[in-house]
């Protein structure tokens, strides 16, 4: 499941995320967020050569439990997890390299 350009309005539970096998990039943000929109081409470019990496865009906001469980405070926040373990995160990435730096060899 490579790059997705739509936000999941129904977020998975933390237990579901923790149970995902392999490498996953969680992207927390909102469709109206200017920082999130600016980061989209960077995320797409960084993930393009890695179609095996699961990408889940999650519409975040106050009271959304998944974002709070990862202590997300600013958007976009990208978190790389492998088999339920956080590997790295990027907050408001401004370059393709900032996003690609999240991705160890998948």
PDB file of N, CA and C in Angstrom:
ATOM      1  N   UNK A   1       0.852  -1.189   0.000  1.00  0.00           N
ATOM      2  CA  UNK A   1       0.000   0.000   0.000  1.00  0.00           C
ATOM      3  C   UNK A   1       0.886   1.236   0.000  1.00  0.00           C
ATOM      4  N   UNK A   2       1.205   1.768  -1.168  1.00  0.00           N
ATOM      5  CA  UNK A   2       2.069   2.938  -1.248  1.00  0.00           C
ATOM      6  C   UNK A   2       1.341   4.213  -0.824  1.00  0.00           C
ATOM      7  N   UNK A   3       1.917   5.352  -1.149  1.00  0.00           N
ATOM      8  CA  UNK A   3       1.393   6.671  -0.799  1.00  0.00           C
ATOM      9  C   UNK A   3      -0.098   6.780  -1.078  1.00  0.00           C
ATOM     10  N   UNK A   4      -0.794   7.327  -0.118  1.00  0.00           N
ATOM     11  CA  UNK A   4      -2.211   7.614  -0.306  1.00  0.00           C
ATOM     12  C   UNK A   4      -2.429   9.112  -0.140  1.00  0.00           C
ATOM     13  N   UNK A   5      -3.281   9.686  -0.964  1.00  0.00           N
ATOM     14  CA  UNK A   5      -3.476  11.131  -0.916  1.00  0.00           C
ATOM     15  C   UNK A   5      -4.762  11.555  -0.206  1.00  0.00           C
ATOM     16  N   UNK A   6      -5.445  10.609   0.420  1.00  0.00           N
ATOM     17  CA  UNK A   6      -6.660  10.949   1.151  1.00  0.00           C
ATOM     18  C   UNK A   6      -6.493  10.601   2.628  1.00  0.00           C
ATOM     19  N   UNK A   7      -7.154  11.386   3.455  1.00  0.00           N
ATOM     20  CA  UNK A   7      -7.110  11.146   4.891  1.00  0.00           C
ATOM     21  C   UNK A   7      -8.157  10.117   5.287  1.00  0.00           C
ATOM     22  N   UNK A   8      -7.773   9.240   6.193  1.00  0.00           N
ATOM     23  CA  UNK A   8      -8.728   8.305   6.789  1.00  0.00           C
ATOM     24  C   UNK A   8      -9.488   9.078   7.850  1.00  0.00           C
ATOM     25  N   UNK A   9     -10.775   9.222   7.673  1.00  0.00           N
ATOM     26  CA  UNK A   9     -11.562   9.959   8.666  1.00  0.00           C
ATOM     27  C   UNK A   9     -11.919   9.063   9.850  1.00  0.00           C
ATOM     28  N   UNK A  10     -11.897   7.754   9.628  1.00  0.00           N
ATOM     29  CA  UNK A  10     -12.077   6.799  10.711  1.00  0.00           C
ATOM     30  C   UNK A  10     -10.697   6.222  10.989  1.00  0.00           C
ATOM     31  N   UNK A  11     -10.151   6.615  12.111  1.00  0.00           N
ATOM     32  CA  UNK A  11      -8.782   6.193  12.400  1.00  0.00           C
ATOM     33  C   UNK A  11      -8.740   4.784  12.966  1.00  0.00           C
ATOM     34  N   UNK A  12      -7.649   4.075  12.699  1.00  0.00           N
ATOM     35  CA  UNK A  12      -7.486   2.758  13.330  1.00  0.00           C
ATOM     36  C   UNK A  12      -7.200   2.949  14.819  1.00  0.00           C
ATOM     37  N   UNK A  13      -7.393   1.927  15.574  1.00  0.00           N
ATOM     38  CA  UNK A  13      -7.060   2.000  17.005  1.00  0.00           C
ATOM     39  C   UNK A  13      -5.552   1.844  17.161  1.00  0.00           C
ATOM     40  N   UNK A  14      -5.056   2.199  18.322  1.00  0.00           N
ATOM     41  CA  UNK A  14      -3.618   2.015  18.578  1.00  0.00           C
ATOM     42  C   UNK A  14      -3.262   0.528  18.521  1.00  0.00           C
ATOM     43  N   UNK A  15      -4.151  -0.334  19.018  1.00  0.00           N
ATOM     44  CA  UNK A  15      -3.887  -1.781  18.970  1.00  0.00           C
ATOM     45  C   UNK A  15      -3.793  -2.261  17.527  1.00  0.00           C
ATOM     46  N   UNK A  16      -4.633  -1.733  16.637  1.00  0.00           N
ATOM     47  CA  UNK A  16      -4.571  -2.115  15.224  1.00  0.00           C
ATOM     48  C   UNK A  16      -3.263  -1.652  14.593  1.00  0.00           C
ATOM     49  N   UNK A  17      -2.834  -0.444  14.912  1.00  0.00           N
ATOM     50  CA  UNK A  17      -1.567   0.065  14.376  1.00  0.00           C
ATOM     51  C   UNK A  17      -0.408  -0.762  14.907  1.00  0.00           C
ATOM     52  N   UNK A  18      -0.423  -1.052  16.195  1.00  0.00           N
ATOM     53  CA  UNK A  18       0.656  -1.833  16.795  1.00  0.00           C
ATOM     54  C   UNK A  18       0.735  -3.240  16.209  1.00  0.00           C
ATOM     55  N   UNK A  19      -0.367  -3.754  15.695  1.00  0.00           N
ATOM     56  CA  UNK A  19      -0.400  -5.111  15.135  1.00  0.00           C
ATOM     57  C   UNK A  19      -0.021  -5.162  13.651  1.00  0.00           C
ATOM     58  N   UNK A  20       0.165  -4.006  13.015  1.00  0.00           N
ATOM     59  CA  UNK A  20       0.516  -3.994  11.590  1.00  0.00           C
ATOM     60  C   UNK A  20       1.915  -4.568  11.397  1.00  0.00           C
ATOM     61  N   UNK A  21       2.044  -5.548  10.508  1.00  0.00           N
ATOM     62  CA  UNK A  21       3.372  -6.114  10.248  1.00  0.00           C
ATOM     63  C   UNK A  21       4.171  -5.220   9.302  1.00  0.00           C
ATOM     64  N   UNK A  22       5.470  -5.224   9.462  1.00  0.00           N
ATOM     65  CA  UNK A  22       6.334  -4.493   8.542  1.00  0.00           C
ATOM     66  C   UNK A  22       6.366  -3.004   8.813  1.00  0.00           C
ATOM     67  N   UNK A  23       6.869  -2.267   7.827  1.00  0.00           N
ATOM     68  CA  UNK A  23       7.082  -0.829   7.950  1.00  0.00           C
ATOM     69  C   UNK A  23       5.838  -0.057   7.524  1.00  0.00           C
ATOM     70  N   UNK A  24       5.431   0.877   8.386  1.00  0.00           N
ATOM     71  CA  UNK A  24       4.275   1.728   8.120  1.00  0.00           C
ATOM     72  C   UNK A  24       4.654   3.162   8.432  1.00  0.00           C
ATOM     73  N   UNK A  25       4.227   4.087   7.575  1.00  0.00           N
ATOM     74  CA  UNK A  25       4.373   5.507   7.865  1.00  0.00           C
ATOM     75  C   UNK A  25       2.987   6.048   8.174  1.00  0.00           C
ATOM     76  N   UNK A  26       2.833   6.540   9.388  1.00  0.00           N
ATOM     77  CA  UNK A  26       1.597   7.193   9.809  1.00  0.00           C
ATOM     78  C   UNK A  26       1.776   8.685   9.583  1.00  0.00           C
ATOM     79  N   UNK A  27       0.829   9.297   8.933  1.00  0.00           N
ATOM     80  CA  UNK A  27       0.887  10.736   8.690  1.00  0.00           C
ATOM     81  C   UNK A  27      -0.328  11.378   9.334  1.00  0.00           C
ATOM     82  N   UNK A  28      -0.087  12.180  10.352  1.00  0.00           N
ATOM     83  CA  UNK A  28      -1.158  12.870  11.060  1.00  0.00           C
ATOM     84  C   UNK A  28      -1.248  14.298  10.548  1.00  0.00           C
ATOM     85  N   UNK A  29      -2.475  14.731  10.239  1.00  0.00           N
ATOM     86  CA  UNK A  29      -2.674  16.085   9.756  1.00  0.00           C
ATOM     87  C   UNK A  29      -4.146  16.351   9.525  1.00  0.00           C
ATOM     88  N   UNK A  30      -4.409  17.343   8.683  1.00  0.00           N
ATOM     89  CA  UNK A  30      -5.792  17.707   8.349  1.00  0.00           C
ATOM     90  C   UNK A  30      -5.809  18.234   6.919  1.00  0.00           C
ATOM     91  N   UNK A  31      -6.891  18.008   6.185  1.00  0.00           N
ATOM     92  CA  UNK A  31      -6.930  18.420   4.786  1.00  0.00           C
ATOM     93  C   UNK A  31      -6.869  19.924   4.591  1.00  0.00           C
ATOM     94  N   UNK A  32      -7.256  20.705   5.583  1.00  0.00           N
ATOM     95  CA  UNK A  32      -7.239  22.161   5.467  1.00  0.00           C
ATOM     96  C   UNK A  32      -5.917  22.779   5.938  1.00  0.00           C
ATOM     97  N   UNK A  33      -5.011  21.974   6.479  1.00  0.00           N
ATOM     98  CA  UNK A  33      -3.750  22.454   7.053  1.00  0.00           C
ATOM     99  C   UNK A  33      -2.760  22.816   5.943  1.00  0.00           C
ATOM    100  N   UNK A  34      -2.320  24.067   5.914  1.00  0.00           N
ATOM    101  CA  UNK A  34      -1.386  24.524   4.882  1.00  0.00           C
ATOM    102  C   UNK A  34      -0.052  23.787   4.965  1.00  0.00           C
ATOM    103  N   UNK A  35       0.434  23.520   6.158  1.00  0.00           N
ATOM    104  CA  UNK A  35       1.696  22.785   6.315  1.00  0.00           C
ATOM    105  C   UNK A  35       1.551  21.365   5.756  1.00  0.00           C
ATOM    106  N   UNK A  36       0.389  20.766   5.991  1.00  0.00           N
ATOM    107  CA  UNK A  36       0.136  19.400   5.501  1.00  0.00           C
ATOM    108  C   UNK A  36       0.086  19.372   3.984  1.00  0.00           C
ATOM    109  N   UNK A  37      -0.592  20.338   3.400  1.00  0.00           N
ATOM    110  CA  UNK A  37      -0.680  20.403   1.934  1.00  0.00           C
ATOM    111  C   UNK A  37       0.695  20.635   1.323  1.00  0.00           C
ATOM    112  N   UNK A  38       1.508  21.476   1.955  1.00  0.00           N
ATOM    113  CA  UNK A  38       2.849  21.756   1.428  1.00  0.00           C
ATOM    114  C   UNK A  38       3.742  20.519   1.500  1.00  0.00           C
ATOM    115  N   UNK A  39       3.523  19.669   2.474  1.00  0.00           N
ATOM    116  CA  UNK A  39       4.368  18.475   2.643  1.00  0.00           C
ATOM    117  C   UNK A  39       3.978  17.338   1.705  1.00  0.00           C
ATOM    118  N   UNK A  40       2.802  17.380   1.120  1.00  0.00           N
ATOM    119  CA  UNK A  40       2.326  16.249   0.324  1.00  0.00           C
ATOM    120  C   UNK A  40       3.235  15.853  -0.831  1.00  0.00           C
ATOM    121  N   UNK A  41       3.735  16.793  -1.627  1.00  0.00           N
ATOM    122  CA  UNK A  41       4.635  16.371  -2.706  1.00  0.00           C
ATOM    123  C   UNK A  41       5.926  15.749  -2.164  1.00  0.00           C
ATOM    124  N   UNK A  42       6.382  16.208  -1.017  1.00  0.00           N
ATOM    125  CA  UNK A  42       7.604  15.664  -0.411  1.00  0.00           C
ATOM    126  C   UNK A  42       7.382  14.226   0.036  1.00  0.00           C
ATOM    127  N   UNK A  43       6.237  13.984   0.671  1.00  0.00           N
ATOM    128  CA  UNK A  43       5.911  12.633   1.141  1.00  0.00           C
ATOM    129  C   UNK A  43       5.744  11.701  -0.054  1.00  0.00           C
ATOM    130  N   UNK A  44       5.030  12.154  -1.058  1.00  0.00           N
ATOM    131  CA  UNK A  44       4.814  11.328  -2.254  1.00  0.00           C
ATOM    132  C   UNK A  44       6.133  10.974  -2.915  1.00  0.00           C
ATOM    133  N   UNK A  45       7.036  11.945  -3.045  1.00  0.00           N
ATOM    134  CA  UNK A  45       8.317  11.694  -3.687  1.00  0.00           C
ATOM    135  C   UNK A  45       9.176  10.739  -2.856  1.00  0.00           C
ATOM    136  N   UNK A  46       9.177  10.907  -1.541  1.00  0.00           N
ATOM    137  CA  UNK A  46       9.987  10.036  -0.682  1.00  0.00           C
ATOM    138  C   UNK A  46       9.477   8.603  -0.684  1.00  0.00           C
ATOM    139  N   UNK A  47       8.167   8.430  -0.759  1.00  0.00           N
ATOM    140  CA  UNK A  47       7.589   7.089  -0.707  1.00  0.00           C
ATOM    141  C   UNK A  47       7.519   6.410  -2.077  1.00  0.00           C
ATOM    142  N   UNK A  48       7.658   7.168  -3.147  1.00  0.00           N
ATOM    143  CA  UNK A  48       7.519   6.600  -4.492  1.00  0.00           C
ATOM    144  C   UNK A  48       8.409   5.388  -4.752  1.00  0.00           C
ATOM    145  N   UNK A  49       9.685   5.417  -4.377  1.00  0.00           N
ATOM    146  CA  UNK A  49      10.517   4.239  -4.665  1.00  0.00           C
ATOM    147  C   UNK A  49      10.338   3.098  -3.671  1.00  0.00           C
ATOM    148  N   UNK A  50       9.408   3.231  -2.741  1.00  0.00           N
ATOM    149  CA  UNK A  50       9.227   2.210  -1.713  1.00  0.00           C
ATOM    150  C   UNK A  50       7.761   1.773  -1.624  1.00  0.00           C
ATOM    151  N   UNK A  51       7.231   1.123  -2.670  1.00  0.00           N
ATOM    152  CA  UNK A  51       5.818   0.745  -2.661  1.00  0.00           C
ATOM    153  C   UNK A  51       5.469  -0.284  -1.592  1.00  0.00           C
ATOM    154  N   UNK A  52       6.454  -0.944  -1.027  1.00  0.00           N
ATOM    155  CA  UNK A  52       6.196  -1.931   0.021  1.00  0.00           C
ATOM    156  C   UNK A  52       5.917  -1.275   1.375  1.00  0.00           C
ATOM    157  N   UNK A  53       6.158   0.026   1.494  1.00  0.00           N
ATOM    158  CA  UNK A  53       5.913   0.737   2.757  1.00  0.00           C
ATOM    159  C   UNK A  53       4.443   1.148   2.810  1.00  0.00           C
ATOM    160  N   UNK A  54       3.774   0.755   3.856  1.00  0.00           N
ATOM    161  CA  UNK A  54       2.368   1.118   4.073  1.00  0.00           C
ATOM    162  C   UNK A  54       2.324   2.581   4.518  1.00  0.00           C
ATOM    163  N   UNK A  55       1.436   3.359   3.917  1.00  0.00           N
ATOM    164  CA  UNK A  55       1.271   4.781   4.258  1.00  0.00           C
ATOM    165  C   UNK A  55      -0.180   5.004   4.657  1.00  0.00           C
ATOM    166  N   UNK A  56      -0.368   5.518   5.861  1.00  0.00           N
ATOM    167  CA  UNK A  56      -1.729   5.785   6.339  1.00  0.00           C
ATOM    168  C   UNK A  56      -1.805   7.251   6.739  1.00  0.00           C
ATOM    169  N   UNK A  57      -2.648   8.004   6.043  1.00  0.00           N
ATOM    170  CA  UNK A  57      -2.903   9.414   6.397  1.00  0.00           C
ATOM    171  C   UNK A  57      -4.098   9.447   7.325  1.00  0.00           C
ATOM    172  N   UNK A  58      -3.909  10.066   8.467  1.00  0.00           N
ATOM    173  CA  UNK A  58      -4.947  10.077   9.491  1.00  0.00           C
ATOM    174  C   UNK A  58      -5.336  11.519   9.788  1.00  0.00           C
ATOM    175  N   UNK A  59      -6.612  11.816   9.603  1.00  0.00           N
ATOM    176  CA  UNK A  59      -7.099  13.148   9.943  1.00  0.00           C
ATOM    177  C   UNK A  59      -7.107  13.263  11.459  1.00  0.00           C
ATOM    178  N   UNK A  60      -6.320  14.176  11.964  1.00  0.00           N
ATOM    179  CA  UNK A  60      -6.120  14.319  13.402  1.00  0.00           C
ATOM    180  C   UNK A  60      -6.860  15.554  13.902  1.00  0.00           C
ATOM    181  N   UNK A  61      -7.016  15.644  15.194  1.00  0.00           N
ATOM    182  CA  UNK A  61      -7.652  16.794  15.812  1.00  0.00           C
ATOM    183  C   UNK A  61      -7.854  16.542  17.288  1.00  0.00           C
ATOM    184  N   UNK A  62      -8.378  17.538  17.972  1.00  0.00           N
ATOM    185  CA  UNK A  62      -8.620  17.386  19.409  1.00  0.00           C
ATOM    186  C   UNK A  62      -9.513  16.179  19.694  1.00  0.00           C
ATOM    187  N   UNK A  63      -9.123  15.426  20.685  1.00  0.00           N
ATOM    188  CA  UNK A  63      -9.926  14.280  21.097  1.00  0.00           C
ATOM    189  C   UNK A  63      -9.732  13.040  20.251  1.00  0.00           C
ATOM    190  N   UNK A  64      -8.873  13.086  19.255  1.00  0.00           N
ATOM    191  CA  UNK A  64      -8.616  11.898  18.437  1.00  0.00           C
ATOM    192  C   UNK A  64      -7.578  11.036  19.170  1.00  0.00           C
ATOM    193  N   UNK A  65      -7.958   9.844  19.579  1.00  0.00           N
ATOM    194  CA  UNK A  65      -7.090   9.059  20.456  1.00  0.00           C
ATOM    195  C   UNK A  65      -5.782   8.569  19.832  1.00  0.00           C
ATOM    196  N   UNK A  66      -5.758   8.274  18.545  1.00  0.00           N
ATOM    197  CA  UNK A  66      -4.525   7.740  17.972  1.00  0.00           C
ATOM    198  C   UNK A  66      -3.417   8.793  17.979  1.00  0.00           C
ATOM    199  N   UNK A  67      -3.737   9.986  17.544  1.00  0.00           N
ATOM    200  CA  UNK A  67      -2.747  11.064  17.566  1.00  0.00           C
ATOM    201  C   UNK A  67      -2.267  11.362  18.976  1.00  0.00           C
ATOM    202  N   UNK A  68      -3.179  11.328  19.923  1.00  0.00           N
ATOM    203  CA  UNK A  68      -2.783  11.598  21.315  1.00  0.00           C
ATOM    204  C   UNK A  68      -1.892  10.472  21.842  1.00  0.00           C
ATOM    205  N   UNK A  69      -2.157   9.234  21.420  1.00  0.00           N
ATOM    206  CA  UNK A  69      -1.346   8.117  21.908  1.00  0.00           C
ATOM    207  C   UNK A  69       0.098   8.220  21.404  1.00  0.00           C
ATOM    208  N   UNK A  70       0.289   8.905  20.264  1.00  0.00           N
ATOM    209  CA  UNK A  70       1.634   9.131  19.740  1.00  0.00           C
ATOM    210  C   UNK A  70       2.169  10.517  20.127  1.00  0.00           C
ATOM    211  N   UNK A  71       1.420  11.237  20.931  1.00  0.00           N
ATOM    212  CA  UNK A  71       1.807  12.585  21.408  1.00  0.00           C
ATOM    213  C   UNK A  71       2.048  13.559  20.255  1.00  0.00           C
ATOM    214  N   UNK A  72       1.169  13.510  19.263  1.00  0.00           N
ATOM    215  CA  UNK A  72       1.247  14.426  18.123  1.00  0.00           C
ATOM    216  C   UNK A  72       0.780  15.795  18.579  1.00  0.00           C
ATOM    217  N   UNK A  73       1.592  16.808  18.292  1.00  0.00           N
ATOM    218  CA  UNK A  73       1.252  18.175  18.697  1.00  0.00           C
ATOM    219  C   UNK A  73       1.174  19.136  17.512  1.00  0.00           C
ATOM    220  N   UNK A  74       1.954  18.876  16.460  1.00  0.00           N
ATOM    221  CA  UNK A  74       1.951  19.733  15.274  1.00  0.00           C
ATOM    222  C   UNK A  74       1.684  18.884  14.045  1.00  0.00           C
ATOM    223  N   UNK A  75       1.133  19.516  13.006  1.00  0.00           N
ATOM    224  CA  UNK A  75       0.857  18.822  11.762  1.00  0.00           C
ATOM    225  C   UNK A  75       1.720  19.377  10.651  1.00  0.00           C
ATOM    226  N   UNK A  76       2.063  18.613   9.694  1.00  0.00           N
ATOM    227  CA  UNK A  76       1.954  17.175   9.713  1.00  0.00           C
ATOM    228  C   UNK A  76       3.039  16.556  10.590  1.00  0.00           C
ATOM    229  N   UNK A  77       2.706  15.463  11.201  1.00  0.00           N
ATOM    230  CA  UNK A  77       3.687  14.631  11.902  1.00  0.00           C
ATOM    231  C   UNK A  77       3.662  13.272  11.228  1.00  0.00           C
ATOM    232  N   UNK A  78       4.835  12.847  10.775  1.00  0.00           N
ATOM    233  CA  UNK A  78       4.980  11.526  10.160  1.00  0.00           C
ATOM    234  C   UNK A  78       5.751  10.644  11.121  1.00  0.00           C
ATOM    235  N   UNK A  79       5.226   9.458  11.360  1.00  0.00           N
ATOM    236  CA  UNK A  79       5.855   8.517  12.286  1.00  0.00           C
ATOM    237  C   UNK A  79       6.041   7.192  11.569  1.00  0.00           C
ATOM    238  N   UNK A  80       7.285   6.725  11.549  1.00  0.00           N
ATOM    239  CA  UNK A  80       7.592   5.417  10.972  1.00  0.00           C
ATOM    240  C   UNK A  80       7.540   4.389  12.091  1.00  0.00           C
ATOM    241  N   UNK A  81       6.745   3.345  11.882  1.00  0.00           N
ATOM    242  CA  UNK A  81       6.657   2.248  12.846  1.00  0.00           C
ATOM    243  C   UNK A  81       6.909   0.934  12.110  1.00  0.00           C
ATOM    244  N   UNK A  82       7.570   0.034  12.794  1.00  0.00           N
ATOM    245  CA  UNK A  82       7.773  -1.307  12.242  1.00  0.00           C
ATOM    246  C   UNK A  82       7.299  -2.287  13.308  1.00  0.00           C
ATOM    247  N   UNK A  83       6.312  -3.099  12.946  1.00  0.00           N
ATOM    248  CA  UNK A  83       5.775  -4.111  13.851  1.00  0.00           C
ATOM    249  C   UNK A  83       5.383  -3.502  15.201  1.00  0.00           C
ATOM    250  N   UNK A  84       4.780  -2.306  15.150  1.00  0.00           N
ATOM    251  CA  UNK A  84       4.272  -1.666  16.358  1.00  0.00           C
ATOM    252  C   UNK A  84       5.273  -0.852  17.143  1.00  0.00           C
ATOM    253  N   UNK A  85       6.512  -0.763  16.672  1.00  0.00           N
ATOM    254  CA  UNK A  85       7.545  -0.017  17.398  1.00  0.00           C
ATOM    255  C   UNK A  85       7.896   1.240  16.602  1.00  0.00           C
ATOM    256  N   UNK A  86       7.830   2.404  17.270  1.00  0.00           N
ATOM    257  CA  UNK A  86       8.197   3.652  16.603  1.00  0.00           C
ATOM    258  C   UNK A  86       9.690   3.665  16.319  1.00  0.00           C
ATOM    259  N   UNK A  87      10.031   3.958  15.054  1.00  0.00           N
ATOM    260  CA  UNK A  87      11.432   4.026  14.635  1.00  0.00           C
ATOM    261  C   UNK A  87      11.926   5.464  14.544  1.00  0.00           C
ATOM    262  N   UNK A  88      11.084   6.336  14.005  1.00  0.00           N
ATOM    263  CA  UNK A  88      11.492   7.721  13.773  1.00  0.00           C
ATOM    264  C   UNK A  88      10.252   8.566  13.535  1.00  0.00           C
ATOM    265  N   UNK A  89      10.433   9.879  13.654  1.00  0.00           N
ATOM    266  CA  UNK A  89       9.345  10.792  13.324  1.00  0.00           C
ATOM    267  C   UNK A  89       9.900  12.061  12.715  1.00  0.00           C
ATOM    268  N   UNK A  90       9.068  12.698  11.911  1.00  0.00           N
ATOM    269  CA  UNK A  90       9.395  13.986  11.312  1.00  0.00           C
ATOM    270  C   UNK A  90       8.196  14.897  11.530  1.00  0.00           C
ATOM    271  N   UNK A  91       8.452  16.062  12.072  1.00  0.00           N
ATOM    272  CA  UNK A  91       7.401  17.036  12.326  1.00  0.00           C
ATOM    273  C   UNK A  91       7.595  18.198  11.357  1.00  0.00           C
ATOM    274  N   UNK A  92       6.558  18.469  10.589  1.00  0.00           N
ATOM    275  CA  UNK A  92       6.577  19.514   9.563  1.00  0.00           C
ATOM    276  C   UNK A  92       7.812  19.413   8.669  1.00  0.00           C
ATOM    277  N   UNK A  93       7.985  18.278   8.013  1.00  0.00           N
ATOM    278  CA  UNK A  93       9.155  18.128   7.150  1.00  0.00           C
ATOM    279  C   UNK A  93       9.121  19.140   6.007  1.00  0.00           C
ATOM    280  N   UNK A  94      10.298  19.703   5.711  1.00  0.00           N
ATOM    281  CA  UNK A  94      10.388  20.738   4.677  1.00  0.00           C
ATOM    282  C   UNK A  94      11.159  20.276   3.452  1.00  0.00           C
ATOM    283  N   UNK A  95      11.703  19.049   3.499  1.00  0.00           N
ATOM    284  CA  UNK A  95      12.462  18.526   2.365  1.00  0.00           C
ATOM    285  C   UNK A  95      12.124  17.047   2.167  1.00  0.00           C
ATOM    286  N   UNK A  96      12.393  16.561   0.979  1.00  0.00           N
ATOM    287  CA  UNK A  96      12.214  15.136   0.696  1.00  0.00           C
ATOM    288  C   UNK A  96      13.132  14.328   1.594  1.00  0.00           C
ATOM    289  N   UNK A  97      14.356  14.815   1.817  1.00  0.00           N
ATOM    290  CA  UNK A  97      15.304  14.100   2.668  1.00  0.00           C
ATOM    291  C   UNK A  97      14.796  13.948   4.099  1.00  0.00           C
ATOM    292  N   UNK A  98      14.071  14.939   4.589  1.00  0.00           N
ATOM    293  CA  UNK A  98      13.516  14.834   5.946  1.00  0.00           C
ATOM    294  C   UNK A  98      12.516  13.690   6.028  1.00  0.00           C
ATOM    295  N   UNK A  99      11.749  13.495   4.979  1.00  0.00           N
ATOM    296  CA  UNK A  99      10.788  12.384   4.954  1.00  0.00           C
ATOM    297  C   UNK A  99      11.516  11.057   4.718  1.00  0.00           C
ATOM    298  N   UNK A 100      12.417  11.048   3.742  1.00  0.00           N
ATOM    299  CA  UNK A 100      13.140   9.819   3.407  1.00  0.00           C
ATOM    300  C   UNK A 100      13.975   9.332   4.584  1.00  0.00           C
ATOM    301  N   UNK A 101      14.421  10.239   5.441  1.00  0.00           N
ATOM    302  CA  UNK A 101      15.196   9.862   6.611  1.00  0.00           C
ATOM    303  C   UNK A 101      14.427   9.014   7.599  1.00  0.00           C
ATOM    304  N   UNK A 102      13.116   8.987   7.484  1.00  0.00           N
ATOM    305  CA  UNK A 102      12.277   8.135   8.336  1.00  0.00           C
ATOM    306  C   UNK A 102      12.368   6.681   7.942  1.00  0.00           C
ATOM    307  N   UNK A 103      12.775   6.428   6.715  1.00  0.00           N
ATOM    308  CA  UNK A 103      12.612   5.118   6.115  1.00  0.00           C
ATOM    309  C   UNK A 103      13.912   4.335   6.075  1.00  0.00           C
ATOM    310  N   UNK A 104      14.111   3.489   7.068  1.00  0.00           N
ATOM    311  CA  UNK A 104      15.253   2.596   6.983  1.00  0.00           C
ATOM    312  C   UNK A 104      14.972   1.587   5.869  1.00  0.00           C
ATOM    313  N   UNK A 105      15.912   0.777   5.558  1.00  0.00           N
ATOM    314  CA  UNK A 105      15.651  -0.202   4.503  1.00  0.00           C
ATOM    315  C   UNK A 105      14.418  -1.009   4.878  1.00  0.00           C
ATOM    316  N   UNK A 106      13.457  -0.994   4.009  1.00  0.00           N
ATOM    317  CA  UNK A 106      12.179  -1.654   4.276  1.00  0.00           C
ATOM    318  C   UNK A 106      12.365  -3.122   4.063  1.00  0.00           C
TER     319      UNK A 106
END
